[in-house]
Amino acid sequence: MLTTRHEMYLMGLFLALMAALSALVGALAVSNYLAGHTMRAASSLILPAFLAYWAWSDYNGARNDGEIIRWYGMAWAGGLVLGLFASAIIRLIG
């Protein structure tokens, strides 16, 4: 089945949105941890746990999602850095 250009555009937007949300989860993990909310920060580890499970099932399966897993993992790790930077800026301002 051939996909249309419109479907590919929507898929790209969805994947970009998922990567942005992965970065947001990482940023929230850092800001929650620095604010003293350890359980909220720990709940943000659900995403990397899911990515690890996805990578493991991809390794044992026939699908080839390895590139997507790397992008989402990098987005999450980048969100950690952005969250640390944003928290430092907020502490300096406030």
C-alpha atoms as a PDB file:
ATOM      1  CA  MET A   1       0.000   0.000   0.000  1.00  0.00           C
ATOM      2  CA  LEU A   2       1.424   3.318  -1.029  1.00  0.00           C
ATOM      3  CA  THR A   3       1.260   6.221   1.383  1.00  0.00           C
ATOM      4  CA  THR A   4       0.386   9.700   0.263  1.00  0.00           C
ATOM      5  CA  ARG A   5       2.556  12.740   0.807  1.00  0.00           C
ATOM      6  CA  HIS A   6      -0.016  14.039   3.298  1.00  0.00           C
ATOM      7  CA  GLU A   7       0.230  10.877   5.407  1.00  0.00           C
ATOM      8  CA  MET A   8       4.021  11.094   5.448  1.00  0.00           C
ATOM      9  CA  TYR A   9       3.825  14.754   6.499  1.00  0.00           C
ATOM     10  CA  LEU A  10       1.471  13.895   9.365  1.00  0.00           C
ATOM     11  CA  MET A  11       3.706  11.016  10.451  1.00  0.00           C
ATOM     12  CA  GLY A  12       6.733  13.328  10.520  1.00  0.00           C
ATOM     13  CA  LEU A  13       4.830  15.881  12.597  1.00  0.00           C
ATOM     14  CA  PHE A  14       3.734  13.176  15.012  1.00  0.00           C
ATOM     15  CA  LEU A  15       7.281  11.869  15.418  1.00  0.00           C
ATOM     16  CA  ALA A  16       8.573  15.421  15.982  1.00  0.00           C
ATOM     17  CA  LEU A  17       5.859  16.002  18.583  1.00  0.00           C
ATOM     18  CA  MET A  18       6.821  12.793  20.370  1.00  0.00           C
ATOM     19  CA  ALA A  19      10.478  13.867  20.416  1.00  0.00           C
ATOM     20  CA  ALA A  20       9.517  17.296  21.816  1.00  0.00           C
ATOM     21  CA  LEU A  21       7.414  15.648  24.505  1.00  0.00           C
ATOM     22  CA  SER A  22      10.321  13.325  25.333  1.00  0.00           C
ATOM     23  CA  ALA A  23      12.523  16.391  25.864  1.00  0.00           C
ATOM     24  CA  LEU A  24       9.798  17.983  28.010  1.00  0.00           C
ATOM     25  CA  VAL A  25       9.611  14.889  30.220  1.00  0.00           C
ATOM     26  CA  GLY A  26      13.383  15.027  30.717  1.00  0.00           C
ATOM     27  CA  ALA A  27      13.261  18.729  31.570  1.00  0.00           C
ATOM     28  CA  LEU A  28      10.441  18.177  34.049  1.00  0.00           C
ATOM     29  CA  ALA A  29      12.413  15.367  35.689  1.00  0.00           C
ATOM     30  CA  VAL A  30      15.312  17.695  36.420  1.00  0.00           C
ATOM     31  CA  SER A  31      13.166  20.595  37.589  1.00  0.00           C
ATOM     32  CA  ASN A  32      11.118  18.323  39.866  1.00  0.00           C
ATOM     33  CA  TYR A  33      14.258  16.787  41.341  1.00  0.00           C
ATOM     34  CA  LEU A  34      15.843  20.180  42.004  1.00  0.00           C
ATOM     35  CA  ALA A  35      12.606  21.375  43.623  1.00  0.00           C
ATOM     36  CA  GLY A  36      12.728  18.424  46.028  1.00  0.00           C
ATOM     37  CA  HIS A  37       9.950  16.351  44.434  1.00  0.00           C
ATOM     38  CA  THR A  38      11.814  13.051  44.200  1.00  0.00           C
ATOM     39  CA  MET A  39       8.792  10.893  43.392  1.00  0.00           C
ATOM     40  CA  ARG A  40       7.719  13.194  40.555  1.00  0.00           C
ATOM     41  CA  ALA A  41      11.253  13.115  39.181  1.00  0.00           C
ATOM     42  CA  ALA A  42      11.356   9.324  39.467  1.00  0.00           C
ATOM     43  CA  SER A  43       8.105   9.031  37.538  1.00  0.00           C
ATOM     44  CA  SER A  44       9.857  10.706  34.599  1.00  0.00           C
ATOM     45  CA  LEU A  45      12.067   7.624  34.342  1.00  0.00           C
ATOM     46  CA  ILE A  46       9.117   5.777  32.830  1.00  0.00           C
ATOM     47  CA  LEU A  47      10.058   7.118  29.394  1.00  0.00           C
ATOM     48  CA  PRO A  48      13.636   5.761  29.352  1.00  0.00           C
ATOM     49  CA  ALA A  49      12.350   2.483  30.788  1.00  0.00           C
ATOM     50  CA  PHE A  50       9.868   2.282  27.916  1.00  0.00           C
ATOM     51  CA  LEU A  51      12.608   3.152  25.409  1.00  0.00           C
ATOM     52  CA  ALA A  52      14.805   0.410  26.883  1.00  0.00           C
ATOM     53  CA  TYR A  53      11.966  -2.103  26.564  1.00  0.00           C
ATOM     54  CA  TRP A  54      11.307  -0.929  22.998  1.00  0.00           C
ATOM     55  CA  ALA A  55      15.002  -1.322  22.149  1.00  0.00           C
ATOM     56  CA  TRP A  56      15.063  -4.805  23.708  1.00  0.00           C
ATOM     57  CA  SER A  57      11.968  -5.930  21.798  1.00  0.00           C
ATOM     58  CA  ASP A  58      13.413  -4.426  18.603  1.00  0.00           C
ATOM     59  CA  TYR A  59      16.656  -6.330  19.183  1.00  0.00           C
ATOM     60  CA  ASN A  60      14.773  -9.591  19.596  1.00  0.00           C
ATOM     61  CA  GLY A  61      12.199  -8.915  16.891  1.00  0.00           C
ATOM     62  CA  ALA A  62      12.073  -8.381  13.153  1.00  0.00           C
ATOM     63  CA  ARG A  63      11.164  -4.671  13.236  1.00  0.00           C
ATOM     64  CA  ASN A  64      13.758  -1.985  12.671  1.00  0.00           C
ATOM     65  CA  ASP A  65      12.938   0.884  15.061  1.00  0.00           C
ATOM     66  CA  GLY A  66      16.479   1.404  16.337  1.00  0.00           C
ATOM     67  CA  GLU A  67      16.890   4.822  14.733  1.00  0.00           C
ATOM     68  CA  ILE A  68      13.663   6.149  16.260  1.00  0.00           C
ATOM     69  CA  ILE A  69      14.680   4.859  19.693  1.00  0.00           C
ATOM     70  CA  ARG A  70      18.002   6.702  19.444  1.00  0.00           C
ATOM     71  CA  TRP A  71      16.269   9.974  18.477  1.00  0.00           C
ATOM     72  CA  TYR A  72      13.802   9.774  21.379  1.00  0.00           C
ATOM     73  CA  GLY A  73      16.578   8.845  23.797  1.00  0.00           C
ATOM     74  CA  MET A  74      18.665  11.801  22.631  1.00  0.00           C
ATOM     75  CA  ALA A  75      15.628  14.094  22.924  1.00  0.00           C
ATOM     76  CA  TRP A  76      15.046  12.905  26.501  1.00  0.00           C
ATOM     77  CA  ALA A  77      18.718  13.389  27.415  1.00  0.00           C
ATOM     78  CA  GLY A  78      18.680  16.821  25.761  1.00  0.00           C
ATOM     79  CA  GLY A  79      15.636  17.651  27.841  1.00  0.00           C
ATOM     80  CA  LEU A  80      17.617  16.808  30.981  1.00  0.00           C
ATOM     81  CA  VAL A  81      20.215  19.387  30.002  1.00  0.00           C
ATOM     82  CA  LEU A  82      17.555  21.959  29.078  1.00  0.00           C
ATOM     83  CA  GLY A  83      15.763  21.369  32.381  1.00  0.00           C
ATOM     84  CA  LEU A  84      18.991  21.866  34.307  1.00  0.00           C
ATOM     85  CA  PHE A  85      19.686  25.073  32.390  1.00  0.00           C
ATOM     86  CA  ALA A  86      16.122  26.361  32.867  1.00  0.00           C
ATOM     87  CA  SER A  87      16.214  25.583  36.590  1.00  0.00           C
ATOM     88  CA  ALA A  88      19.513  27.423  36.968  1.00  0.00           C
ATOM     89  CA  ILE A  89      18.101  30.465  35.147  1.00  0.00           C
ATOM     90  CA  ILE A  90      14.956  30.444  37.287  1.00  0.00           C
ATOM     91  CA  ARG A  91      17.022  30.241  40.487  1.00  0.00           C
ATOM     92  CA  LEU A  92      19.161  33.165  39.349  1.00  0.00           C
ATOM     93  CA  ILE A  93      16.140  35.287  38.477  1.00  0.00           C
ATOM     94  CA  GLY A  94      14.017  34.367  41.530  1.00  0.00           C
END
